[in-house]
Amino acid sequence: MSKKNDLKKFCKEHKIEIIEGAVIVAGGVVIGVLIHDNKSLKKSLKFANDTILKQDKRILELKNLCLQKDIRHAETISDGLRHGSPLCAQDMVQLREFLKVRPQA
């Protein structure tokens, strides 16, 4: 019973220090969790940024490829028209209509 009373007495005498210590420990735990979460978020953000950069590069490659294809298609239509191809004439009409709607293409 003496130990129990000694513990009660100690707690009463050092109440503020015990509370301060608990708050410091709890704060440290919270800071540790936030730092861990921050590192995890930074890794996720870096991965997302790397993915976006790769996708942007691929988009540029595909745009260039489409441009090359469009140039080659126009050349092919032109050649076909010179040789009297009705299919190329249809393609030329469709290309003109497309360019009216999307002149930047």
Protein backbone atom coordinates (compact mmCIF):
# COMPACT_ATOMS: atom_id res chain seq x y z
CA MET A 1 0.00 0.00 0.00
CA SER A 2 2.94 2.29 0.60
CA LYS A 3 4.04 2.13 -3.02
CA LYS A 4 0.55 3.06 -4.18
CA ASN A 5 0.47 6.05 -1.85
CA ASP A 6 3.96 7.07 -2.92
CA LEU A 7 2.87 6.94 -6.55
CA LYS A 8 -0.24 9.05 -5.83
CA LYS A 9 1.86 11.57 -3.92
CA PHE A 10 4.44 11.72 -6.73
CA CYS A 11 1.70 12.26 -9.32
CA LYS A 12 0.11 15.05 -7.29
CA GLU A 13 3.45 16.77 -6.73
CA HIS A 14 4.59 16.47 -10.37
CA LYS A 15 1.26 16.81 -12.15
CA ILE A 16 2.43 19.62 -14.45
CA GLU A 17 5.65 17.86 -15.42
CA ILE A 18 3.76 14.64 -16.21
CA ILE A 19 1.25 16.51 -18.39
CA GLU A 20 4.05 18.42 -20.13
CA GLY A 21 5.92 15.19 -20.78
CA ALA A 22 2.82 13.51 -22.19
CA VAL A 23 2.15 16.49 -24.45
CA ILE A 24 5.76 16.46 -25.68
CA VAL A 25 5.64 12.73 -26.40
CA ALA A 26 2.27 13.05 -28.16
CA GLY A 27 3.59 16.00 -30.18
CA GLY A 28 6.66 14.01 -31.16
CA VAL A 29 4.50 11.14 -32.32
CA VAL A 30 2.32 13.49 -34.37
CA ILE A 31 5.39 15.15 -35.92
CA GLY A 32 6.85 11.74 -36.73
CA VAL A 33 3.65 10.64 -38.43
CA LEU A 34 3.45 13.89 -40.40
CA ILE A 35 7.07 13.59 -41.53
CA HIS A 36 6.44 10.01 -42.65
CA ASP A 37 3.28 11.07 -44.51
CA ASN A 38 5.17 13.98 -46.07
CA LYS A 39 7.91 11.67 -47.35
CA SER A 40 5.30 9.33 -48.76
CA LEU A 41 3.51 12.21 -50.47
CA LYS A 42 6.79 13.49 -51.91
CA LYS A 43 7.52 10.04 -53.38
CA SER A 44 4.03 9.88 -54.88
CA LEU A 45 4.35 13.40 -56.28
CA LYS A 46 7.75 12.62 -57.82
CA PHE A 47 6.34 9.47 -59.42
CA ALA A 48 3.36 11.44 -60.76
CA ASN A 49 5.63 14.18 -62.15
CA ASP A 50 7.91 11.61 -63.80
CA THR A 51 4.87 9.93 -65.35
CA ILE A 52 3.54 13.25 -66.62
CA LEU A 53 6.91 14.11 -68.19
CA LYS A 54 7.03 10.71 -69.92
CA GLN A 55 3.46 11.17 -71.17
CA ASP A 56 4.21 14.69 -72.43
CA LYS A 57 7.22 13.35 -74.33
CA ARG A 58 5.11 10.54 -75.81
CA ILE A 59 2.36 13.00 -76.79
CA LEU A 60 4.91 15.10 -78.70
CA GLU A 61 6.23 11.97 -80.42
CA LEU A 62 2.69 10.99 -81.43
CA LYS A 63 1.89 14.51 -82.68
CA ASN A 64 5.00 14.44 -84.83
CA LEU A 65 4.11 10.99 -86.10
CA CYS A 66 0.57 12.15 -86.97
CA LEU A 67 1.99 15.16 -88.77
CA GLN A 68 4.28 12.92 -90.82
CA LYS A 69 1.35 10.62 -91.58
CA ASP A 70 -0.85 13.55 -92.63
CA ILE A 71 1.86 14.91 -94.92
CA ARG A 72 2.38 11.50 -96.49
CA HIS A 73 -1.37 10.99 -96.87
CA ALA A 74 -1.76 14.36 -98.62
CA GLU A 75 1.11 13.47 -100.96
CA THR A 76 -0.50 10.12 -101.70
CA ILE A 77 -3.89 11.73 -102.40
CA SER A 78 -2.24 14.24 -104.71
CA ASP A 79 -0.41 11.51 -106.61
CA GLY A 80 -3.60 9.46 -106.87
CA LEU A 81 -5.51 12.45 -108.22
CA ARG A 82 -2.87 12.98 -110.91
CA HIS A 83 -3.48 9.39 -111.97
CA GLY A 84 -7.28 9.74 -111.95
CA SER A 85 -8.15 7.77 -108.81
CA PRO A 86 -11.78 8.31 -107.70
CA LEU A 87 -10.88 7.04 -104.22
CA CYS A 88 -8.22 9.74 -103.89
CA ALA A 89 -10.76 12.32 -105.05
CA GLN A 90 -13.07 11.24 -102.21
CA ASP A 91 -10.16 11.43 -99.77
CA MET A 92 -9.31 14.95 -100.97
CA VAL A 93 -12.90 16.10 -100.42
CA GLN A 94 -12.86 14.62 -96.91
CA LEU A 95 -9.48 16.23 -96.20
CA ARG A 96 -10.77 19.65 -97.34
CA GLU A 97 -13.85 19.29 -95.13
CA PHE A 98 -11.69 18.28 -92.19
CA LEU A 99 -9.36 21.24 -92.72
CA LYS A 100 -12.34 23.63 -92.80
CA VAL A 101 -13.30 22.41 -89.32
CA ARG A 102 -9.74 22.10 -87.99
CA PRO A 103 -7.50 24.43 -89.98
CA GLN A 104 -4.52 23.94 -87.64
CA ALA A 105 -4.28 20.26 -88.56
